[in-house]
Amino acid sequence: MRLSLLALLAKEPAHGYELKQSLEQIFGGAYPSPNIGQIYVTLGRLEKDGLIRAVDVEQSNRPNKKVYHLTAAGREALDVWADEPAEGPRVRDEFFMKLVLAPMTGLADRMALISRQRRHYLGLMRDLNGLAERTDRGDRVALLLIEGAMLHLQADLDWLERCQEDLL
């Protein structure tokens, strides 16, 4: 969340609730709505790290609010983030560790583990299909996010088939 907040602040200064609303508007229902407490904790850490600065803005009928501004160090962090490739495939996969180690210790049967994981992925896929059906066709950002998640799930389902073929 740190870098997404920095990116929004690069566009314009904002307070916490505006940042929350921006994330919800940009990503729609495809992206879990951020907790406002988490946003303010993250903003506090970004300020402590010198990536943003807060300015108190007086309000007539309400308590003052903090409006956050990106600093030069924050802009530099965003530039580095934009230039670096995103994290690639995970090699330390928790499910694979479970699949290999649980049968060795007598905790679980491999086929049972694969079947349970497959059911879980299929349930997630159904949820994503439902979310895609409820998402406005004009909301391309949300639809692309949903499609990406579905493609990753399909790859995970294909990989489970491979594990079943090779390990059983």
C-alpha atoms as a PDB file:
ATOM      1  CA  MET A   1       0.000   0.000   0.000  1.00  0.00           C
ATOM      2  CA  ARG A   2       2.950   2.332   0.572  1.00  0.00           C
ATOM      3  CA  LEU A   3       3.707   2.827  -3.088  1.00  0.00           C
ATOM      4  CA  SER A   4       0.099   3.093  -4.185  1.00  0.00           C
ATOM      5  CA  LEU A   5      -0.400   5.931  -1.691  1.00  0.00           C
ATOM      6  CA  LEU A   6       2.784   7.614  -2.887  1.00  0.00           C
ATOM      7  CA  ALA A   7       1.580   7.307  -6.490  1.00  0.00           C
ATOM      8  CA  LEU A   8      -1.740   8.950  -5.643  1.00  0.00           C
ATOM      9  CA  LEU A   9       0.064  11.747  -3.794  1.00  0.00           C
ATOM     10  CA  ALA A  10       2.281  12.277  -6.842  1.00  0.00           C
ATOM     11  CA  LYS A  11      -0.888  13.246  -8.679  1.00  0.00           C
ATOM     12  CA  GLU A  12      -2.053  15.693  -5.993  1.00  0.00           C
ATOM     13  CA  PRO A  13      -1.936  16.286  -2.229  1.00  0.00           C
ATOM     14  CA  ALA A  14      -4.736  14.570  -0.316  1.00  0.00           C
ATOM     15  CA  HIS A  15      -5.912  13.491   3.111  1.00  0.00           C
ATOM     16  CA  GLY A  16      -6.447   9.884   4.158  1.00  0.00           C
ATOM     17  CA  TYR A  17     -10.126   9.563   3.288  1.00  0.00           C
ATOM     18  CA  GLU A  18      -9.537  11.059  -0.167  1.00  0.00           C
ATOM     19  CA  LEU A  19      -6.802   8.485  -0.765  1.00  0.00           C
ATOM     20  CA  LYS A  20      -9.143   5.673   0.304  1.00  0.00           C
ATOM     21  CA  GLN A  21     -11.860   6.958  -2.032  1.00  0.00           C
ATOM     22  CA  SER A  22      -9.382   7.290  -4.900  1.00  0.00           C
ATOM     23  CA  LEU A  23      -8.249   3.666  -4.518  1.00  0.00           C
ATOM     24  CA  GLU A  24     -11.871   2.502  -4.442  1.00  0.00           C
ATOM     25  CA  GLN A  25     -12.812   4.588  -7.500  1.00  0.00           C
ATOM     26  CA  ILE A  26      -9.771   3.568  -9.543  1.00  0.00           C
ATOM     27  CA  PHE A  27      -9.855  -0.164  -8.833  1.00  0.00           C
ATOM     28  CA  GLY A  28     -13.551  -0.648  -8.125  1.00  0.00           C
ATOM     29  CA  GLY A  29     -14.818  -3.799  -6.488  1.00  0.00           C
ATOM     30  CA  ALA A  30     -11.961  -5.857  -7.913  1.00  0.00           C
ATOM     31  CA  TYR A  31      -9.543  -4.537  -5.313  1.00  0.00           C
ATOM     32  CA  PRO A  32     -10.238  -5.085  -1.616  1.00  0.00           C
ATOM     33  CA  SER A  33     -11.290  -1.797  -0.060  1.00  0.00           C
ATOM     34  CA  PRO A  34      -8.445  -0.553   2.131  1.00  0.00           C
ATOM     35  CA  ASN A  35      -9.036  -0.062   5.832  1.00  0.00           C
ATOM     36  CA  ILE A  36      -8.838   3.628   6.748  1.00  0.00           C
ATOM     37  CA  GLY A  37      -6.797   2.767   9.834  1.00  0.00           C
ATOM     38  CA  GLN A  38      -4.262   0.968   7.669  1.00  0.00           C
ATOM     39  CA  ILE A  39      -4.072   3.996   5.383  1.00  0.00           C
ATOM     40  CA  TYR A  40      -3.345   6.366   8.269  1.00  0.00           C
ATOM     41  CA  VAL A  41      -0.759   4.014   9.784  1.00  0.00           C
ATOM     42  CA  THR A  42       0.937   3.775   6.383  1.00  0.00           C
ATOM     43  CA  LEU A  43       0.827   7.557   5.957  1.00  0.00           C
ATOM     44  CA  GLY A  44       2.461   7.942   9.379  1.00  0.00           C
ATOM     45  CA  ARG A  45       5.266   5.596   8.373  1.00  0.00           C
ATOM     46  CA  LEU A  46       5.745   7.346   5.024  1.00  0.00           C
ATOM     47  CA  GLU A  47       5.996  10.668   6.852  1.00  0.00           C
ATOM     48  CA  LYS A  48       8.451   9.226   9.368  1.00  0.00           C
ATOM     49  CA  ASP A  49      10.546   7.928   6.453  1.00  0.00           C
ATOM     50  CA  GLY A  50      10.566  11.396   4.869  1.00  0.00           C
ATOM     51  CA  LEU A  51       8.652  10.325   1.754  1.00  0.00           C
ATOM     52  CA  ILE A  52       5.683  12.597   2.452  1.00  0.00           C
ATOM     53  CA  ARG A  53       4.961  15.585   4.664  1.00  0.00           C
ATOM     54  CA  ALA A  54       1.707  16.525   6.341  1.00  0.00           C
ATOM     55  CA  VAL A  55       0.234  20.013   6.508  1.00  0.00           C
ATOM     56  CA  ASP A  56      -2.562  20.784   8.961  1.00  0.00           C
ATOM     57  CA  VAL A  57      -5.514  22.420   7.244  1.00  0.00           C
ATOM     58  CA  GLU A  58      -8.026  24.278   9.387  1.00  0.00           C
ATOM     59  CA  GLN A  59     -11.690  23.494   8.946  1.00  0.00           C
ATOM     60  CA  SER A  60     -14.465  25.726  10.250  1.00  0.00           C
ATOM     61  CA  ASN A  61     -16.890  23.163  11.709  1.00  0.00           C
ATOM     62  CA  ARG A  62     -14.565  20.211  12.124  1.00  0.00           C
ATOM     63  CA  PRO A  63     -11.210  19.365  13.616  1.00  0.00           C
ATOM     64  CA  ASN A  64      -8.175  20.204  11.493  1.00  0.00           C
ATOM     65  CA  LYS A  65      -7.255  17.643   8.865  1.00  0.00           C
ATOM     66  CA  LYS A  66      -3.862  16.597   7.604  1.00  0.00           C
ATOM     67  CA  VAL A  67      -3.200  16.954   3.917  1.00  0.00           C
ATOM     68  CA  TYR A  68      -0.252  14.897   2.710  1.00  0.00           C
ATOM     69  CA  HIS A  69       2.248  16.039   0.091  1.00  0.00           C
ATOM     70  CA  LEU A  70       4.891  14.003  -1.705  1.00  0.00           C
ATOM     71  CA  THR A  71       8.498  14.991  -0.924  1.00  0.00           C
ATOM     72  CA  ALA A  72      11.488  14.822  -3.264  1.00  0.00           C
ATOM     73  CA  ALA A  73      12.521  11.586  -1.524  1.00  0.00           C
ATOM     74  CA  GLY A  74       9.010  10.225  -2.119  1.00  0.00           C
ATOM     75  CA  ARG A  75       9.229  11.106  -5.808  1.00  0.00           C
ATOM     76  CA  GLU A  76      12.599   9.346  -5.988  1.00  0.00           C
ATOM     77  CA  ALA A  77      11.132   6.219  -4.347  1.00  0.00           C
ATOM     78  CA  LEU A  78       8.303   6.251  -6.904  1.00  0.00           C
ATOM     79  CA  ASP A  79      10.765   6.607  -9.777  1.00  0.00           C
ATOM     80  CA  VAL A  80      12.705   3.574  -8.521  1.00  0.00           C
ATOM     81  CA  TRP A  81       9.456   1.617  -8.131  1.00  0.00           C
ATOM     82  CA  ALA A  82       8.305   2.496 -11.644  1.00  0.00           C
ATOM     83  CA  ASP A  83      11.653   1.467 -13.160  1.00  0.00           C
ATOM     84  CA  GLU A  84      11.978  -1.893 -11.369  1.00  0.00           C
ATOM     85  CA  PRO A  85      10.198  -4.997 -12.656  1.00  0.00           C
ATOM     86  CA  ALA A  86       7.550  -6.456 -10.356  1.00  0.00           C
ATOM     87  CA  GLU A  87       8.178  -9.592  -8.327  1.00  0.00           C
ATOM     88  CA  GLY A  88       8.223 -12.714 -10.460  1.00  0.00           C
ATOM     89  CA  PRO A  89       7.007 -16.227  -9.768  1.00  0.00           C
ATOM     90  CA  ARG A  90       7.290 -17.470  -6.238  1.00  0.00           C
ATOM     91  CA  VAL A  91       9.714 -20.297  -5.619  1.00  0.00           C
ATOM     92  CA  ARG A  92       8.928 -20.681  -1.942  1.00  0.00           C
ATOM     93  CA  ASP A  93       5.329 -21.717  -2.352  1.00  0.00           C
ATOM     94  CA  GLU A  94       3.575 -22.642   0.893  1.00  0.00           C
ATOM     95  CA  PHE A  95       1.276 -25.163  -0.754  1.00  0.00           C
ATOM     96  CA  PHE A  96       4.177 -26.940  -2.462  1.00  0.00           C
ATOM     97  CA  MET A  97       6.052 -27.139   0.857  1.00  0.00           C
ATOM     98  CA  LYS A  98       2.931 -28.687   2.391  1.00  0.00           C
ATOM     99  CA  LEU A  99       2.532 -31.060  -0.558  1.00  0.00           C
ATOM    100  CA  VAL A 100       6.075 -32.362  -0.189  1.00  0.00           C
ATOM    101  CA  LEU A 101       6.485 -32.350   3.587  1.00  0.00           C
ATOM    102  CA  ALA A 102       3.049 -33.316   4.955  1.00  0.00           C
ATOM    103  CA  PRO A 103       3.040 -36.849   3.500  1.00  0.00           C
ATOM    104  CA  MET A 104       6.588 -37.418   4.794  1.00  0.00           C
ATOM    105  CA  THR A 105       5.429 -36.698   8.308  1.00  0.00           C
ATOM    106  CA  GLY A 106       2.098 -38.490   8.068  1.00  0.00           C
ATOM    107  CA  LEU A 107       0.107 -35.265   8.413  1.00  0.00           C
ATOM    108  CA  ALA A 108      -1.766 -35.546   5.146  1.00  0.00           C
ATOM    109  CA  ASP A 109      -2.197 -37.475   1.933  1.00  0.00           C
ATOM    110  CA  ARG A 110      -0.963 -35.764  -1.249  1.00  0.00           C
ATOM    111  CA  MET A 111      -4.151 -36.446  -3.198  1.00  0.00           C
ATOM    112  CA  ALA A 112      -6.257 -34.987  -0.381  1.00  0.00           C
ATOM    113  CA  LEU A 113      -4.060 -31.879  -0.335  1.00  0.00           C
ATOM    114  CA  ILE A 114      -4.286 -31.441  -4.109  1.00  0.00           C
ATOM    115  CA  SER A 115      -8.060 -31.968  -4.096  1.00  0.00           C
ATOM    116  CA  ARG A 116      -8.594 -29.473  -1.276  1.00  0.00           C
ATOM    117  CA  GLN A 117      -6.386 -26.889  -2.980  1.00  0.00           C
ATOM    118  CA  ARG A 118      -8.181 -27.427  -6.306  1.00  0.00           C
ATOM    119  CA  ARG A 119     -11.579 -26.896  -4.627  1.00  0.00           C
ATOM    120  CA  HIS A 120     -10.228 -23.723  -3.037  1.00  0.00           C
ATOM    121  CA  TYR A 121      -8.971 -22.366  -6.369  1.00  0.00           C
ATOM    122  CA  LEU A 122     -12.245 -23.262  -8.115  1.00  0.00           C
ATOM    123  CA  GLY A 123     -14.157 -21.426  -5.380  1.00  0.00           C
ATOM    124  CA  LEU A 124     -11.969 -18.378  -5.877  1.00  0.00           C
ATOM    125  CA  MET A 125     -12.538 -18.631  -9.621  1.00  0.00           C
ATOM    126  CA  ARG A 126     -16.332 -18.701  -9.088  1.00  0.00           C
ATOM    127  CA  ASP A 127     -16.070 -15.645  -6.851  1.00  0.00           C
ATOM    128  CA  LEU A 128     -14.039 -13.800  -9.484  1.00  0.00           C
ATOM    129  CA  ASN A 129     -16.530 -14.763 -12.211  1.00  0.00           C
ATOM    130  CA  GLY A 130     -19.327 -13.360 -10.063  1.00  0.00           C
ATOM    131  CA  LEU A 131     -17.347 -10.195  -9.428  1.00  0.00           C
ATOM    132  CA  ALA A 132     -16.689  -9.818 -13.155  1.00  0.00           C
ATOM    133  CA  GLU A 133     -20.417 -10.199 -13.894  1.00  0.00           C
ATOM    134  CA  ARG A 134     -21.272  -7.485 -11.327  1.00  0.00           C
ATOM    135  CA  THR A 135     -18.563  -5.113 -12.585  1.00  0.00           C
ATOM    136  CA  ASP A 136     -19.544  -2.368 -15.003  1.00  0.00           C
ATOM    137  CA  ARG A 137     -18.264  -3.244 -18.500  1.00  0.00           C
ATOM    138  CA  GLY A 138     -16.817   0.263 -18.789  1.00  0.00           C
ATOM    139  CA  ASP A 139     -14.614  -0.247 -15.724  1.00  0.00           C
ATOM    140  CA  ARG A 140     -11.614  -1.537 -17.690  1.00  0.00           C
ATOM    141  CA  VAL A 141      -9.191  -1.264 -14.743  1.00  0.00           C
ATOM    142  CA  ALA A 142     -11.284  -3.494 -12.492  1.00  0.00           C
ATOM    143  CA  LEU A 143     -11.978  -5.959 -15.298  1.00  0.00           C
ATOM    144  CA  LEU A 144      -8.281  -6.238 -16.167  1.00  0.00           C
ATOM    145  CA  LEU A 145      -7.443  -6.838 -12.510  1.00  0.00           C
ATOM    146  CA  ILE A 146     -10.086  -9.573 -12.296  1.00  0.00           C
ATOM    147  CA  GLU A 147      -8.904 -11.131 -15.563  1.00  0.00           C
ATOM    148  CA  GLY A 148      -5.302 -11.180 -14.333  1.00  0.00           C
ATOM    149  CA  ALA A 149      -6.328 -12.886 -11.100  1.00  0.00           C
ATOM    150  CA  MET A 150      -8.333 -15.465 -13.058  1.00  0.00           C
ATOM    151  CA  LEU A 151      -5.410 -16.200 -15.373  1.00  0.00           C
ATOM    152  CA  HIS A 152      -3.128 -16.709 -12.364  1.00  0.00           C
ATOM    153  CA  LEU A 153      -5.692 -19.069 -10.829  1.00  0.00           C
ATOM    154  CA  GLN A 154      -5.957 -21.015 -14.082  1.00  0.00           C
ATOM    155  CA  ALA A 155      -2.174 -21.380 -14.141  1.00  0.00           C
ATOM    156  CA  ASP A 156      -2.285 -22.600 -10.522  1.00  0.00           C
ATOM    157  CA  LEU A 157      -4.977 -25.137 -11.449  1.00  0.00           C
ATOM    158  CA  ASP A 158      -2.870 -26.361 -14.371  1.00  0.00           C
ATOM    159  CA  TRP A 159       0.129 -26.639 -12.054  1.00  0.00           C
ATOM    160  CA  LEU A 160      -1.932 -28.726  -9.599  1.00  0.00           C
ATOM    161  CA  GLU A 161      -2.666 -31.152 -12.446  1.00  0.00           C
ATOM    162  CA  ARG A 162       1.054 -31.370 -13.123  1.00  0.00           C
ATOM    163  CA  CYS A 163       1.785 -32.025  -9.446  1.00  0.00           C
ATOM    164  CA  GLN A 164      -0.840 -34.753  -9.407  1.00  0.00           C
ATOM    165  CA  GLU A 165       0.634 -36.398 -12.509  1.00  0.00           C
ATOM    166  CA  ASP A 166       4.244 -36.237 -11.308  1.00  0.00           C
ATOM    167  CA  LEU A 167       3.883 -36.890  -7.576  1.00  0.00           C
ATOM    168  CA  LEU A 168       1.125 -39.481  -7.412  1.00  0.00           C
END
